[in-house]
Amino acid sequence: MNSMPRVTHVEAKADYVLAVTFDDGTHGEISLADRLFGPMFEPLKDPAFFAQAKVDEFGAICWPNEADIAPDALYRKIKSEQTGTVCR
């Protein structure tokens, strides 16, 4: 089994979009606009706070309030969009 993909670079863009690069060279953009709810993610609706996205030591995307996004789900979504398959 392959190891879990790790994010090596993230860039916050306008409209709650992240440009993400993984350790195997896979890259793409993903919108989080419809996922910013709940106590951990509500603060990310502030564009200045959203822009503070960074990669933690585990290869996950995180913010100063400890909100984080696991890389495996992002990786599957980006790969499915690149290949035109539907990821469920």
PDB file of N, CA and C in Angstrom:
ATOM      1  N   MET A   1       0.841  -1.192   0.000  1.00  0.00           N
ATOM      2  CA  MET A   1       0.000   0.000   0.000  1.00  0.00           C
ATOM      3  C   MET A   1       0.880   1.247   0.000  1.00  0.00           C
ATOM      4  N   ASN A   2       0.490   2.227  -0.780  1.00  0.00           N
ATOM      5  CA  ASN A   2       1.238   3.470  -0.831  1.00  0.00           C
ATOM      6  C   ASN A   2       1.055   4.252   0.455  1.00  0.00           C
ATOM      7  N   SER A   3       2.054   5.052   0.783  1.00  0.00           N
ATOM      8  CA  SER A   3       1.921   5.903   1.954  1.00  0.00           C
ATOM      9  C   SER A   3       0.952   7.040   1.635  1.00  0.00           C
ATOM     10  N   MET A   4       0.435   7.639   2.674  1.00  0.00           N
ATOM     11  CA  MET A   4      -0.510   8.727   2.507  1.00  0.00           C
ATOM     12  C   MET A   4       0.182   9.910   1.825  1.00  0.00           C
ATOM     13  N   PRO A   5      -0.482  10.531   0.856  1.00  0.00           N
ATOM     14  CA  PRO A   5       0.124  11.694   0.210  1.00  0.00           C
ATOM     15  C   PRO A   5       0.297  12.825   1.217  1.00  0.00           C
ATOM     16  N   ARG A   6       1.357  13.572   1.041  1.00  0.00           N
ATOM     17  CA  ARG A   6       1.627  14.708   1.922  1.00  0.00           C
ATOM     18  C   ARG A   6       1.618  15.983   1.092  1.00  0.00           C
ATOM     19  N   VAL A   7       1.030  17.024   1.649  1.00  0.00           N
ATOM     20  CA  VAL A   7       1.055  18.332   1.008  1.00  0.00           C
ATOM     21  C   VAL A   7       2.445  18.925   1.224  1.00  0.00           C
ATOM     22  N   THR A   8       3.031  19.453   0.161  1.00  0.00           N
ATOM     23  CA  THR A   8       4.333  20.102   0.281  1.00  0.00           C
ATOM     24  C   THR A   8       4.227  21.617   0.137  1.00  0.00           C
ATOM     25  N   HIS A   9       3.127  22.093  -0.467  1.00  0.00           N
ATOM     26  CA  HIS A   9       2.949  23.536  -0.642  1.00  0.00           C
ATOM     27  C   HIS A   9       1.464  23.853  -0.714  1.00  0.00           C
ATOM     28  N   VAL A  10       1.075  24.947  -0.086  1.00  0.00           N
ATOM     29  CA  VAL A  10      -0.310  25.417  -0.181  1.00  0.00           C
ATOM     30  C   VAL A  10      -0.292  26.934  -0.353  1.00  0.00           C
ATOM     31  N   GLU A  11      -1.192  27.405  -1.189  1.00  0.00           N
ATOM     32  CA  GLU A  11      -1.358  28.842  -1.383  1.00  0.00           C
ATOM     33  C   GLU A  11      -2.841  29.155  -1.311  1.00  0.00           C
ATOM     34  N   ALA A  12      -3.202  30.059  -0.401  1.00  0.00           N
ATOM     35  CA  ALA A  12      -4.592  30.498  -0.296  1.00  0.00           C
ATOM     36  C   ALA A  12      -4.858  31.525  -1.388  1.00  0.00           C
ATOM     37  N   LYS A  13      -5.964  31.343  -2.097  1.00  0.00           N
ATOM     38  CA  LYS A  13      -6.343  32.242  -3.180  1.00  0.00           C
ATOM     39  C   LYS A  13      -7.708  32.861  -2.864  1.00  0.00           C
ATOM     40  N   ALA A  14      -8.179  33.709  -3.756  1.00  0.00           N
ATOM     41  CA  ALA A  14      -9.471  34.375  -3.561  1.00  0.00           C
ATOM     42  C   ALA A  14     -10.611  33.363  -3.525  1.00  0.00           C
ATOM     43  N   ASP A  15     -11.699  33.751  -2.896  1.00  0.00           N
ATOM     44  CA  ASP A  15     -12.928  32.952  -2.849  1.00  0.00           C
ATOM     45  C   ASP A  15     -12.735  31.592  -2.180  1.00  0.00           C
ATOM     46  N   TYR A  16     -11.861  31.534  -1.170  1.00  0.00           N
ATOM     47  CA  TYR A  16     -11.665  30.323  -0.354  1.00  0.00           C
ATOM     48  C   TYR A  16     -11.163  29.137  -1.171  1.00  0.00           C
ATOM     49  N   VAL A  17     -10.271  29.419  -2.098  1.00  0.00           N
ATOM     50  CA  VAL A  17      -9.657  28.372  -2.915  1.00  0.00           C
ATOM     51  C   VAL A  17      -8.233  28.151  -2.420  1.00  0.00           C
ATOM     52  N   LEU A  18      -7.834  26.879  -2.342  1.00  0.00           N
ATOM     53  CA  LEU A  18      -6.457  26.526  -2.015  1.00  0.00           C
ATOM     54  C   LEU A  18      -5.796  25.913  -3.245  1.00  0.00           C
ATOM     55  N   ALA A  19      -4.603  26.395  -3.564  1.00  0.00           N
ATOM     56  CA  ALA A  19      -3.766  25.756  -4.578  1.00  0.00           C
ATOM     57  C   ALA A  19      -2.827  24.839  -3.801  1.00  0.00           C
ATOM     58  N   VAL A  20      -2.887  23.546  -4.089  1.00  0.00           N
ATOM     59  CA  VAL A  20      -2.192  22.541  -3.291  1.00  0.00           C
ATOM     60  C   VAL A  20      -1.242  21.737  -4.172  1.00  0.00           C
ATOM     61  N   THR A  21      -0.034  21.468  -3.636  1.00  0.00           N
ATOM     62  CA  THR A  21       0.931  20.599  -4.306  1.00  0.00           C
ATOM     63  C   THR A  21       1.284  19.466  -3.347  1.00  0.00           C
ATOM     64  N   PHE A  22       1.289  18.237  -3.883  1.00  0.00           N
ATOM     65  CA  PHE A  22       1.605  17.050  -3.079  1.00  0.00           C
ATOM     66  C   PHE A  22       3.007  16.551  -3.367  1.00  0.00           C
ATOM     67  N   ASP A  23       3.498  15.679  -2.494  1.00  0.00           N
ATOM     68  CA  ASP A  23       4.877  15.195  -2.601  1.00  0.00           C
ATOM     69  C   ASP A  23       5.138  14.335  -3.826  1.00  0.00           C
ATOM     70  N   ASP A  24       4.098  13.884  -4.509  1.00  0.00           N
ATOM     71  CA  ASP A  24       4.328  13.113  -5.742  1.00  0.00           C
ATOM     72  C   ASP A  24       4.194  13.983  -7.002  1.00  0.00           C
ATOM     73  N   GLY A  25       4.057  15.299  -6.794  1.00  0.00           N
ATOM     74  CA  GLY A  25       3.940  16.216  -7.918  1.00  0.00           C
ATOM     75  C   GLY A  25       2.509  16.541  -8.312  1.00  0.00           C
ATOM     76  N   THR A  26       1.545  15.796  -7.785  1.00  0.00           N
ATOM     77  CA  THR A  26       0.142  16.105  -8.067  1.00  0.00           C
ATOM     78  C   THR A  26      -0.167  17.494  -7.523  1.00  0.00           C
ATOM     79  N   HIS A  27      -0.892  18.291  -8.298  1.00  0.00           N
ATOM     80  CA  HIS A  27      -1.272  19.617  -7.834  1.00  0.00           C
ATOM     81  C   HIS A  27      -2.603  20.013  -8.444  1.00  0.00           C
ATOM     82  N   GLY A  28      -3.265  20.915  -7.778  1.00  0.00           N
ATOM     83  CA  GLY A  28      -4.544  21.407  -8.264  1.00  0.00           C
ATOM     84  C   GLY A  28      -5.119  22.413  -7.292  1.00  0.00           C
ATOM     85  N   GLU A  29      -6.301  22.878  -7.612  1.00  0.00           N
ATOM     86  CA  GLU A  29      -6.986  23.851  -6.764  1.00  0.00           C
ATOM     87  C   GLU A  29      -8.279  23.248  -6.266  1.00  0.00           C
ATOM     88  N   ILE A  30      -8.606  23.605  -5.031  1.00  0.00           N
ATOM     89  CA  ILE A  30      -9.835  23.093  -4.429  1.00  0.00           C
ATOM     90  C   ILE A  30     -10.518  24.221  -3.672  1.00  0.00           C
ATOM     91  N   SER A  31     -11.826  24.331  -3.846  1.00  0.00           N
ATOM     92  CA  SER A  31     -12.608  25.358  -3.159  1.00  0.00           C
ATOM     93  C   SER A  31     -13.127  24.807  -1.841  1.00  0.00           C
ATOM     94  N   LEU A  32     -12.957  25.595  -0.786  1.00  0.00           N
ATOM     95  CA  LEU A  32     -13.502  25.223   0.521  1.00  0.00           C
ATOM     96  C   LEU A  32     -14.710  26.086   0.885  1.00  0.00           C
ATOM     97  N   ALA A  33     -15.195  26.878  -0.058  1.00  0.00           N
ATOM     98  CA  ALA A  33     -16.272  27.827   0.225  1.00  0.00           C
ATOM     99  C   ALA A  33     -17.487  27.164   0.862  1.00  0.00           C
ATOM    100  N   ASP A  34     -17.826  25.951   0.444  1.00  0.00           N
ATOM    101  CA  ASP A  34     -19.009  25.286   0.984  1.00  0.00           C
ATOM    102  C   ASP A  34     -18.701  24.432   2.211  1.00  0.00           C
ATOM    103  N   ARG A  35     -17.486  24.516   2.725  1.00  0.00           N
ATOM    104  CA  ARG A  35     -17.098  23.686   3.872  1.00  0.00           C
ATOM    105  C   ARG A  35     -16.728  24.493   5.101  1.00  0.00           C
ATOM    106  N   LEU A  36     -16.890  25.815   5.050  1.00  0.00           N
ATOM    107  CA  LEU A  36     -16.466  26.666   6.152  1.00  0.00           C
ATOM    108  C   LEU A  36     -17.592  26.873   7.152  1.00  0.00           C
ATOM    109  N   PHE A  37     -17.907  25.807   7.879  1.00  0.00           N
ATOM    110  CA  PHE A  37     -18.935  25.889   8.913  1.00  0.00           C
ATOM    111  C   PHE A  37     -18.453  25.091  10.121  1.00  0.00           C
ATOM    112  N   GLY A  38     -19.095  25.324  11.244  1.00  0.00           N
ATOM    113  CA  GLY A  38     -18.689  24.664  12.476  1.00  0.00           C
ATOM    114  C   GLY A  38     -17.651  25.501  13.209  1.00  0.00           C
ATOM    115  N   PRO A  39     -17.451  25.222  14.491  1.00  0.00           N
ATOM    116  CA  PRO A  39     -16.591  26.080  15.314  1.00  0.00           C
ATOM    117  C   PRO A  39     -15.148  26.202  14.841  1.00  0.00           C
ATOM    118  N   MET A  40     -14.593  25.177  14.243  1.00  0.00           N
ATOM    119  CA  MET A  40     -13.204  25.248  13.797  1.00  0.00           C
ATOM    120  C   MET A  40     -13.051  25.986  12.468  1.00  0.00           C
ATOM    121  N   PHE A  41     -14.038  25.889  11.613  1.00  0.00           N
ATOM    122  CA  PHE A  41     -13.888  26.427  10.261  1.00  0.00           C
ATOM    123  C   PHE A  41     -14.574  27.770  10.036  1.00  0.00           C
ATOM    124  N   GLU A  42     -15.503  28.176  10.914  1.00  0.00           N
ATOM    125  CA  GLU A  42     -16.155  29.493  10.787  1.00  0.00           C
ATOM    126  C   GLU A  42     -15.134  30.629  10.695  1.00  0.00           C
ATOM    127  N   PRO A  43     -14.071  30.633  11.536  1.00  0.00           N
ATOM    128  CA  PRO A  43     -13.108  31.741  11.453  1.00  0.00           C
ATOM    129  C   PRO A  43     -12.434  31.860  10.085  1.00  0.00           C
ATOM    130  N   LEU A  44     -12.406  30.791   9.320  1.00  0.00           N
ATOM    131  CA  LEU A  44     -11.759  30.817   8.010  1.00  0.00           C
ATOM    132  C   LEU A  44     -12.560  31.620   6.988  1.00  0.00           C
ATOM    133  N   LYS A  45     -13.793  32.003   7.347  1.00  0.00           N
ATOM    134  CA  LYS A  45     -14.578  32.859   6.453  1.00  0.00           C
ATOM    135  C   LYS A  45     -13.977  34.256   6.347  1.00  0.00           C
ATOM    136  N   ASP A  46     -13.124  34.624   7.299  1.00  0.00           N
ATOM    137  CA  ASP A  46     -12.391  35.886   7.227  1.00  0.00           C
ATOM    138  C   ASP A  46     -11.250  35.673   6.230  1.00  0.00           C
ATOM    139  N   PRO A  47     -11.279  36.370   5.081  1.00  0.00           N
ATOM    140  CA  PRO A  47     -10.254  36.129   4.056  1.00  0.00           C
ATOM    141  C   PRO A  47      -8.816  36.277   4.567  1.00  0.00           C
ATOM    142  N   ALA A  48      -8.597  37.208   5.492  1.00  0.00           N
ATOM    143  CA  ALA A  48      -7.246  37.390   6.027  1.00  0.00           C
ATOM    144  C   ALA A  48      -6.818  36.172   6.847  1.00  0.00           C
ATOM    145  N   PHE A  49      -7.760  35.590   7.572  1.00  0.00           N
ATOM    146  CA  PHE A  49      -7.452  34.391   8.354  1.00  0.00           C
ATOM    147  C   PHE A  49      -7.272  33.183   7.437  1.00  0.00           C
ATOM    148  N   PHE A  50      -8.139  33.050   6.446  1.00  0.00           N
ATOM    149  CA  PHE A  50      -8.027  31.959   5.474  1.00  0.00           C
ATOM    150  C   PHE A  50      -6.651  31.980   4.805  1.00  0.00           C
ATOM    151  N   ALA A  51      -6.148  33.181   4.538  1.00  0.00           N
ATOM    152  CA  ALA A  51      -4.864  33.339   3.853  1.00  0.00           C
ATOM    153  C   ALA A  51      -3.687  32.824   4.683  1.00  0.00           C
ATOM    154  N   GLN A  52      -3.903  32.527   5.964  1.00  0.00           N
ATOM    155  CA  GLN A  52      -2.828  32.035   6.831  1.00  0.00           C
ATOM    156  C   GLN A  52      -2.634  30.524   6.743  1.00  0.00           C
ATOM    157  N   ALA A  53      -3.234  29.898   5.751  1.00  0.00           N
ATOM    158  CA  ALA A  53      -3.069  28.451   5.563  1.00  0.00           C
ATOM    159  C   ALA A  53      -1.592  28.115   5.412  1.00  0.00           C
ATOM    160  N   LYS A  54      -1.184  27.009   6.026  1.00  0.00           N
ATOM    161  CA  LYS A  54       0.193  26.533   5.895  1.00  0.00           C
ATOM    162  C   LYS A  54       0.200  25.016   5.970  1.00  0.00           C
ATOM    163  N   VAL A  55       1.336  24.430   5.702  1.00  0.00           N
ATOM    164  CA  VAL A  55       1.488  22.982   5.769  1.00  0.00           C
ATOM    165  C   VAL A  55       2.155  22.631   7.098  1.00  0.00           C
ATOM    166  N   ASP A  56       1.544  21.699   7.848  1.00  0.00           N
ATOM    167  CA  ASP A  56       2.146  21.292   9.121  1.00  0.00           C
ATOM    168  C   ASP A  56       3.171  20.183   8.917  1.00  0.00           C
ATOM    169  N   GLU A  57       3.752  19.727  10.000  1.00  0.00           N
ATOM    170  CA  GLU A  57       4.824  18.725   9.912  1.00  0.00           C
ATOM    171  C   GLU A  57       4.328  17.370   9.424  1.00  0.00           C
ATOM    172  N   PHE A  58       3.029  17.168   9.402  1.00  0.00           N
ATOM    173  CA  PHE A  58       2.457  15.901   8.947  1.00  0.00           C
ATOM    174  C   PHE A  58       1.999  15.945   7.484  1.00  0.00           C
ATOM    175  N   GLY A  59       2.206  17.087   6.827  1.00  0.00           N
ATOM    176  CA  GLY A  59       1.793  17.217   5.441  1.00  0.00           C
ATOM    177  C   GLY A  59       0.313  17.518   5.296  1.00  0.00           C
ATOM    178  N   ALA A  60      -0.287  18.073   6.343  1.00  0.00           N
ATOM    179  CA  ALA A  60      -1.695  18.482   6.305  1.00  0.00           C
ATOM    180  C   ALA A  60      -1.745  20.010   6.231  1.00  0.00           C
ATOM    181  N   ILE A  61      -2.854  20.544   5.746  1.00  0.00           N
ATOM    182  CA  ILE A  61      -3.040  21.986   5.691  1.00  0.00           C
ATOM    183  C   ILE A  61      -3.676  22.415   7.007  1.00  0.00           C
ATOM    184  N   CYS A  62      -3.133  23.479   7.610  1.00  0.00           N
ATOM    185  CA  CYS A  62      -3.668  23.920   8.901  1.00  0.00           C
ATOM    186  C   CYS A  62      -3.678  25.442   8.989  1.00  0.00           C
ATOM    187  N   TRP A  63      -4.373  25.935  10.007  1.00  0.00           N
ATOM    188  CA  TRP A  63      -4.498  27.353  10.290  1.00  0.00           C
ATOM    189  C   TRP A  63      -4.150  27.600  11.750  1.00  0.00           C
ATOM    190  N   PRO A  64      -3.932  28.865  12.135  1.00  0.00           N
ATOM    191  CA  PRO A  64      -3.519  29.173  13.513  1.00  0.00           C
ATOM    192  C   PRO A  64      -4.506  28.739  14.604  1.00  0.00           C
ATOM    193  N   ASN A  65      -5.781  28.566  14.283  1.00  0.00           N
ATOM    194  CA  ASN A  65      -6.759  28.147  15.296  1.00  0.00           C
ATOM    195  C   ASN A  65      -6.834  26.628  15.427  1.00  0.00           C
ATOM    196  N   GLU A  66      -5.884  25.909  14.828  1.00  0.00           N
ATOM    197  CA  GLU A  66      -5.785  24.455  14.867  1.00  0.00           C
ATOM    198  C   GLU A  66      -6.769  23.747  13.939  1.00  0.00           C
ATOM    199  N   ALA A  67      -7.505  24.495  13.122  1.00  0.00           N
ATOM    200  CA  ALA A  67      -8.308  23.855  12.070  1.00  0.00           C
ATOM    201  C   ALA A  67      -7.328  23.209  11.103  1.00  0.00           C
ATOM    202  N   ASP A  68      -7.673  22.021  10.631  1.00  0.00           N
ATOM    203  CA  ASP A  68      -6.802  21.385   9.652  1.00  0.00           C
ATOM    204  C   ASP A  68      -7.619  20.534   8.697  1.00  0.00           C
ATOM    205  N   ILE A  69      -6.987  20.212   7.576  1.00  0.00           N
ATOM    206  CA  ILE A  69      -7.625  19.401   6.550  1.00  0.00           C
ATOM    207  C   ILE A  69      -6.661  18.273   6.201  1.00  0.00           C
ATOM    208  N   ALA A  70      -7.141  17.052   6.334  1.00  0.00           N
ATOM    209  CA  ALA A  70      -6.315  15.888   6.025  1.00  0.00           C
ATOM    210  C   ALA A  70      -5.984  15.871   4.537  1.00  0.00           C
ATOM    211  N   PRO A  71      -4.762  15.522   4.193  1.00  0.00           N
ATOM    212  CA  PRO A  71      -4.373  15.567   2.790  1.00  0.00           C
ATOM    213  C   PRO A  71      -4.995  14.485   1.920  1.00  0.00           C
ATOM    214  N   ASP A  72      -5.373  13.339   2.493  1.00  0.00           N
ATOM    215  CA  ASP A  72      -5.855  12.243   1.651  1.00  0.00           C
ATOM    216  C   ASP A  72      -7.146  12.577   0.917  1.00  0.00           C
ATOM    217  N   ALA A  73      -8.091  13.238   1.585  1.00  0.00           N
ATOM    218  CA  ALA A  73      -9.350  13.598   0.929  1.00  0.00           C
ATOM    219  C   ALA A  73      -9.114  14.638  -0.167  1.00  0.00           C
ATOM    220  N   LEU A  74      -8.245  15.613   0.098  1.00  0.00           N
ATOM    221  CA  LEU A  74      -7.922  16.620  -0.917  1.00  0.00           C
ATOM    222  C   LEU A  74      -7.263  15.963  -2.122  1.00  0.00           C
ATOM    223  N   TYR A  75      -6.367  15.031  -1.854  1.00  0.00           N
ATOM    224  CA  TYR A  75      -5.645  14.335  -2.918  1.00  0.00           C
ATOM    225  C   TYR A  75      -6.617  13.568  -3.810  1.00  0.00           C
ATOM    226  N   ARG A  76      -7.532  12.820  -3.191  1.00  0.00           N
ATOM    227  CA  ARG A  76      -8.515  12.055  -3.976  1.00  0.00           C
ATOM    228  C   ARG A  76      -9.370  12.983  -4.826  1.00  0.00           C
ATOM    229  N   LYS A  77      -9.793  14.108  -4.252  1.00  0.00           N
ATOM    230  CA  LYS A  77     -10.648  15.036  -5.002  1.00  0.00           C
ATOM    231  C   LYS A  77      -9.891  15.625  -6.188  1.00  0.00           C
ATOM    232  N   ILE A  78      -8.660  16.058  -5.970  1.00  0.00           N
ATOM    233  CA  ILE A  78      -7.875  16.644  -7.063  1.00  0.00           C
ATOM    234  C   ILE A  78      -7.596  15.600  -8.134  1.00  0.00           C
ATOM    235  N   LYS A  79      -7.229  14.393  -7.730  1.00  0.00           N
ATOM    236  CA  LYS A  79      -6.963  13.331  -8.705  1.00  0.00           C
ATOM    237  C   LYS A  79      -8.218  12.993  -9.498  1.00  0.00           C
ATOM    238  N   SER A  80      -9.375  12.931  -8.835  1.00  0.00           N
ATOM    239  CA  SER A  80     -10.613  12.591  -9.539  1.00  0.00           C
ATOM    240  C   SER A  80     -10.988  13.678 -10.538  1.00  0.00           C
ATOM    241  N   GLU A  81     -10.736  14.928 -10.199  1.00  0.00           N
ATOM    242  CA  GLU A  81     -11.029  16.027 -11.128  1.00  0.00           C
ATOM    243  C   GLU A  81     -10.087  15.992 -12.327  1.00  0.00           C
ATOM    244  N   GLN A  82      -8.846  15.581 -12.110  1.00  0.00           N
ATOM    245  CA  GLN A  82      -7.877  15.504 -13.203  1.00  0.00           C
ATOM    246  C   GLN A  82      -8.206  14.369 -14.171  1.00  0.00           C
ATOM    247  N   THR A  83      -8.741  13.267 -13.636  1.00  0.00           N
ATOM    248  CA  THR A  83      -9.023  12.127 -14.485  1.00  0.00           C
ATOM    249  C   THR A  83     -10.464  12.124 -14.994  1.00  0.00           C
ATOM    250  N   GLY A  84     -11.278  13.030 -14.447  1.00  0.00           N
ATOM    251  CA  GLY A  84     -12.666  13.113 -14.875  1.00  0.00           C
ATOM    252  C   GLY A  84     -13.564  12.073 -14.240  1.00  0.00           C
ATOM    253  N   THR A  85     -13.060  11.378 -13.209  1.00  0.00           N
ATOM    254  CA  THR A  85     -13.897  10.407 -12.514  1.00  0.00           C
ATOM    255  C   THR A  85     -14.618  11.067 -11.365  1.00  0.00           C
ATOM    256  N   VAL A  86     -15.672  10.474 -10.915  1.00  0.00           N
ATOM    257  CA  VAL A  86     -16.435  11.001  -9.803  1.00  0.00           C
ATOM    258  C   VAL A  86     -15.943  10.331  -8.534  1.00  0.00           C
ATOM    259  N   CYS A  87     -15.598  11.129  -7.551  1.00  0.00           N
ATOM    260  CA  CYS A  87     -15.122  10.602  -6.276  1.00  0.00           C
ATOM    261  C   CYS A  87     -16.262  10.676  -5.267  1.00  0.00           C
ATOM    262  N   ARG A  88     -16.619   9.549  -4.689  1.00  0.00           N
ATOM    263  CA  ARG A  88     -17.713   9.524  -3.708  1.00  0.00           C
ATOM    264  C   ARG A  88     -17.193   9.139  -2.354  1.00  0.00           C
TER     265      ARG A  88
END
